[in-house]
């Protein structure tokens, strides 16, 4: 079984198309414990179209909770109960380079540090994936500054943004093909920026 957060995200939708026919995908609730599973994908996120100084305390707290605290809570619960847990957590390139939403960037930076420093048991796996802008994800399509996005796309070394299916293929590799030695690191998917 694969348990996921961000169940309605484009990454999860693309991943479902890559999974073996026998695989069951279960949604992890927004609160409480994760279900017992062999594999986990933590893919929920909140990105706001405004600077930290323009956000309310409630918005900042929600961003920190969804992007940092909740994934760490879930990892701690999973790792304390499952000696063979395989976990992929979706971070963000913003955790390295910053973002117009500083709360989001700070939360993702903290999440990356957690992934890189969390001690694991020999059978456990914890990997982060830090995508840059994903063209076909809700966070990008809902942005109000589409002209800024177009300028960034044209200045990108690949002249395009990442696609959700590319992220899903890496998630699939880590959770279903890799033997588990890949662990304790964040893989940056930024197209060579």
Protein backbone atom coordinates (compact mmCIF):
# COMPACT_ATOMS: atom_id res chain seq x y z
CA UNK A 1 0.00 0.00 0.00
CA UNK A 2 1.04 3.58 -0.74
CA UNK A 3 -0.21 6.26 1.67
CA UNK A 4 -0.16 9.87 0.46
CA UNK A 5 -0.78 13.46 1.45
CA UNK A 6 -1.68 15.88 -1.33
CA UNK A 7 -4.06 13.23 -2.66
CA UNK A 8 -5.60 15.58 -5.25
CA UNK A 9 -2.28 16.99 -6.46
CA UNK A 10 -1.13 16.59 -10.05
CA UNK A 11 1.98 14.73 -8.84
CA UNK A 12 -0.16 12.08 -7.13
CA UNK A 13 -2.45 11.89 -10.18
CA UNK A 14 0.54 11.24 -12.45
CA UNK A 15 2.04 8.74 -10.01
CA UNK A 16 -1.20 6.73 -9.92
CA UNK A 17 -0.79 6.12 -13.65
CA UNK A 18 2.69 4.67 -13.08
CA UNK A 19 1.82 2.31 -10.24
CA UNK A 20 1.51 -1.45 -10.52
CA UNK A 21 -2.11 -2.56 -10.90
CA UNK A 22 -2.00 -4.30 -7.50
CA UNK A 23 -1.05 -1.15 -5.59
CA UNK A 24 -3.60 0.44 -3.26
CA UNK A 25 -3.35 4.20 -2.72
CA UNK A 26 -4.75 5.55 0.54
CA UNK A 27 -5.12 9.16 1.57
CA UNK A 28 -3.38 10.23 4.78
CA UNK A 29 -5.81 12.38 6.80
CA UNK A 30 -5.03 16.07 7.36
CA UNK A 31 -4.76 15.38 11.10
CA UNK A 32 -3.90 12.30 13.09
CA UNK A 33 -1.65 9.37 12.32
CA UNK A 34 -0.64 7.88 9.02
CA UNK A 35 -2.10 4.48 8.12
CA UNK A 36 0.19 1.47 8.17
CA UNK A 37 1.73 1.12 4.70
CA UNK A 38 4.90 -0.01 2.96
CA UNK A 39 5.44 3.28 1.11
CA UNK A 40 4.60 6.92 1.76
CA UNK A 41 4.50 10.06 -0.35
CA UNK A 42 4.13 13.34 1.51
CA UNK A 43 3.10 15.78 -1.18
CA UNK A 44 0.90 18.45 0.42
CA UNK A 45 1.91 22.10 0.26
CA UNK A 46 0.67 25.66 0.67
CA UNK A 47 2.17 28.52 -1.34
CA UNK A 48 0.69 32.02 -1.09
CA UNK A 49 0.85 34.70 -3.77
CA UNK A 50 2.10 37.30 -1.29
CA UNK A 51 5.14 38.25 0.72
CA UNK A 52 5.53 37.27 4.37
CA UNK A 53 4.91 40.87 5.44
CA UNK A 54 1.49 40.76 3.71
CA UNK A 55 0.37 37.50 5.34
CA UNK A 56 -1.68 37.18 8.50
CA UNK A 57 -0.36 35.23 11.45
CA UNK A 58 -2.91 32.52 10.64
CA UNK A 59 -1.63 32.24 7.05
CA UNK A 60 1.99 32.04 8.21
CA UNK A 61 1.11 29.42 10.80
CA UNK A 62 -0.80 27.37 8.23
CA UNK A 63 2.15 27.51 5.83
CA UNK A 64 4.59 26.39 8.51
CA UNK A 65 2.23 23.62 9.61
CA UNK A 66 1.46 22.21 6.14
CA UNK A 67 4.95 22.64 4.67
CA UNK A 68 7.10 21.71 7.68
CA UNK A 69 5.46 20.59 10.91
CA UNK A 70 2.90 18.11 9.52
CA UNK A 71 5.40 16.29 7.26
CA UNK A 72 7.86 15.98 10.16
CA UNK A 73 5.09 14.75 12.50
CA UNK A 74 4.11 12.12 9.94
CA UNK A 75 7.71 11.03 9.35
CA UNK A 76 8.33 10.70 13.08
CA UNK A 77 5.18 8.62 13.54
CA UNK A 78 5.95 6.42 10.52
CA UNK A 79 9.63 5.91 11.36
CA UNK A 80 8.90 5.07 15.00
CA UNK A 81 6.43 2.32 14.01
CA UNK A 82 7.77 0.93 10.72
CA UNK A 83 11.32 -0.42 10.49
CA UNK A 84 10.97 -0.86 6.72
CA UNK A 85 9.29 2.47 5.92
CA UNK A 86 10.02 4.00 2.53
CA UNK A 87 9.15 7.71 2.49
CA UNK A 88 9.42 10.38 -0.19
CA UNK A 89 8.73 13.96 0.85
CA UNK A 90 8.15 16.69 -1.73
CA UNK A 91 10.15 19.77 -0.79
CA UNK A 92 10.89 22.68 -3.11
CA UNK A 93 13.73 24.39 -4.89
CA UNK A 94 12.49 27.44 -2.97
CA UNK A 95 13.99 25.87 0.13
CA UNK A 96 17.39 26.55 -1.46
CA UNK A 97 16.83 29.68 -3.54
CA UNK A 98 13.99 31.48 -1.75
CA UNK A 99 10.52 32.46 -2.88
CA UNK A 100 8.22 35.46 -3.01
CA UNK A 101 6.43 33.58 -0.18
CA UNK A 102 9.18 33.58 2.43
CA UNK A 103 7.17 31.45 4.87
CA UNK A 104 6.97 28.70 2.24
CA UNK A 105 10.68 28.92 1.44
CA UNK A 106 11.68 28.85 5.11
CA UNK A 107 9.43 25.86 5.81
CA UNK A 108 10.83 23.90 2.86
CA UNK A 109 14.42 24.74 3.91
CA UNK A 110 13.66 23.34 7.36
CA UNK A 111 12.07 20.25 5.84
CA UNK A 112 15.14 19.63 3.68
CA UNK A 113 17.42 19.88 6.73
CA UNK A 114 15.24 17.39 8.61
CA UNK A 115 15.43 14.88 5.73
CA UNK A 116 19.21 15.23 5.49
CA UNK A 117 19.87 14.84 9.22
CA UNK A 118 17.21 12.37 10.46
CA UNK A 119 18.86 9.16 11.69
CA UNK A 120 17.22 6.03 10.30
CA UNK A 121 17.19 2.32 11.06
CA UNK A 122 18.92 0.13 8.44
CA UNK A 123 15.70 -0.86 6.63
CA UNK A 124 14.24 2.64 6.46
CA UNK A 125 14.41 5.13 3.60
CA UNK A 126 13.72 8.87 3.66
CA UNK A 127 14.24 10.90 0.48
CA UNK A 128 13.25 14.44 -0.40
CA UNK A 129 12.56 15.72 -3.87
CA UNK A 130 12.89 19.48 -4.39
CA UNK A 131 11.22 20.43 -7.68
CA UNK A 132 11.46 23.87 -9.18
CA UNK A 133 8.39 25.36 -10.86
CA UNK A 134 6.04 22.61 -12.05
CA UNK A 135 4.11 23.88 -15.07
CA UNK A 136 1.01 21.73 -14.67
CA UNK A 137 0.52 21.87 -10.90
CA UNK A 138 -2.12 23.89 -9.12
CA UNK A 139 0.41 26.07 -7.28
CA UNK A 140 1.70 27.31 -10.63
CA UNK A 141 -1.56 27.48 -12.55
CA UNK A 142 -3.26 29.51 -9.77
CA UNK A 143 -0.49 32.12 -9.65
CA UNK A 144 -1.55 35.65 -10.50
CA UNK A 145 1.83 36.67 -11.95
CA UNK A 146 1.74 34.62 -15.14
CA UNK A 147 3.84 37.23 -16.98
CA UNK A 148 6.63 36.74 -14.40
CA UNK A 149 6.38 32.99 -14.90
CA UNK A 150 6.71 33.38 -18.65
CA UNK A 151 9.84 35.52 -18.24
CA UNK A 152 11.32 32.92 -15.88
CA UNK A 153 10.50 30.12 -18.30
CA UNK A 154 12.24 31.89 -21.16
CA UNK A 155 15.36 32.53 -19.05
CA UNK A 156 15.51 28.92 -17.79
CA UNK A 157 18.35 26.76 -19.21
CA UNK A 158 15.76 24.25 -20.50
CA UNK A 159 13.37 26.97 -21.74
CA UNK A 160 10.58 25.14 -19.98
CA UNK A 161 9.35 24.23 -16.54
CA UNK A 162 9.21 20.82 -14.94
CA UNK A 163 6.16 18.60 -15.52
CA UNK A 164 4.34 16.75 -12.75
CA UNK A 165 4.91 13.43 -14.52
CA UNK A 166 8.69 13.99 -14.28
CA UNK A 167 8.40 14.36 -10.51
CA UNK A 168 6.09 11.32 -10.35
CA UNK A 169 8.61 9.20 -12.29
CA UNK A 170 11.32 10.05 -9.76
CA UNK A 171 8.96 9.26 -6.86
CA UNK A 172 8.16 5.94 -8.53
CA UNK A 173 11.83 5.12 -8.97
CA UNK A 174 12.67 5.86 -5.34
CA UNK A 175 9.70 3.97 -3.87
CA UNK A 176 9.43 1.03 -6.27
CA UNK A 177 12.74 0.47 -8.07
CA UNK A 178 15.56 1.72 -5.84
CA UNK A 179 16.85 -0.83 -3.34
CA UNK A 180 16.67 1.72 -0.51
CA UNK A 181 20.30 2.81 -0.41
CA UNK A 182 19.32 6.24 -1.69
CA UNK A 183 18.36 7.93 1.56
CA UNK A 184 18.91 10.96 3.75
CA UNK A 185 19.15 13.38 0.86
CA UNK A 186 17.12 15.84 -1.12
CA UNK A 187 17.20 15.49 -4.90
CA UNK A 188 16.94 18.86 -6.62
CA UNK A 189 14.89 18.90 -9.84
CA UNK A 190 15.72 22.35 -11.16
CA UNK A 191 16.76 21.69 -14.74
CA UNK A 192 20.30 22.89 -14.21
CA UNK A 193 19.56 26.37 -12.87
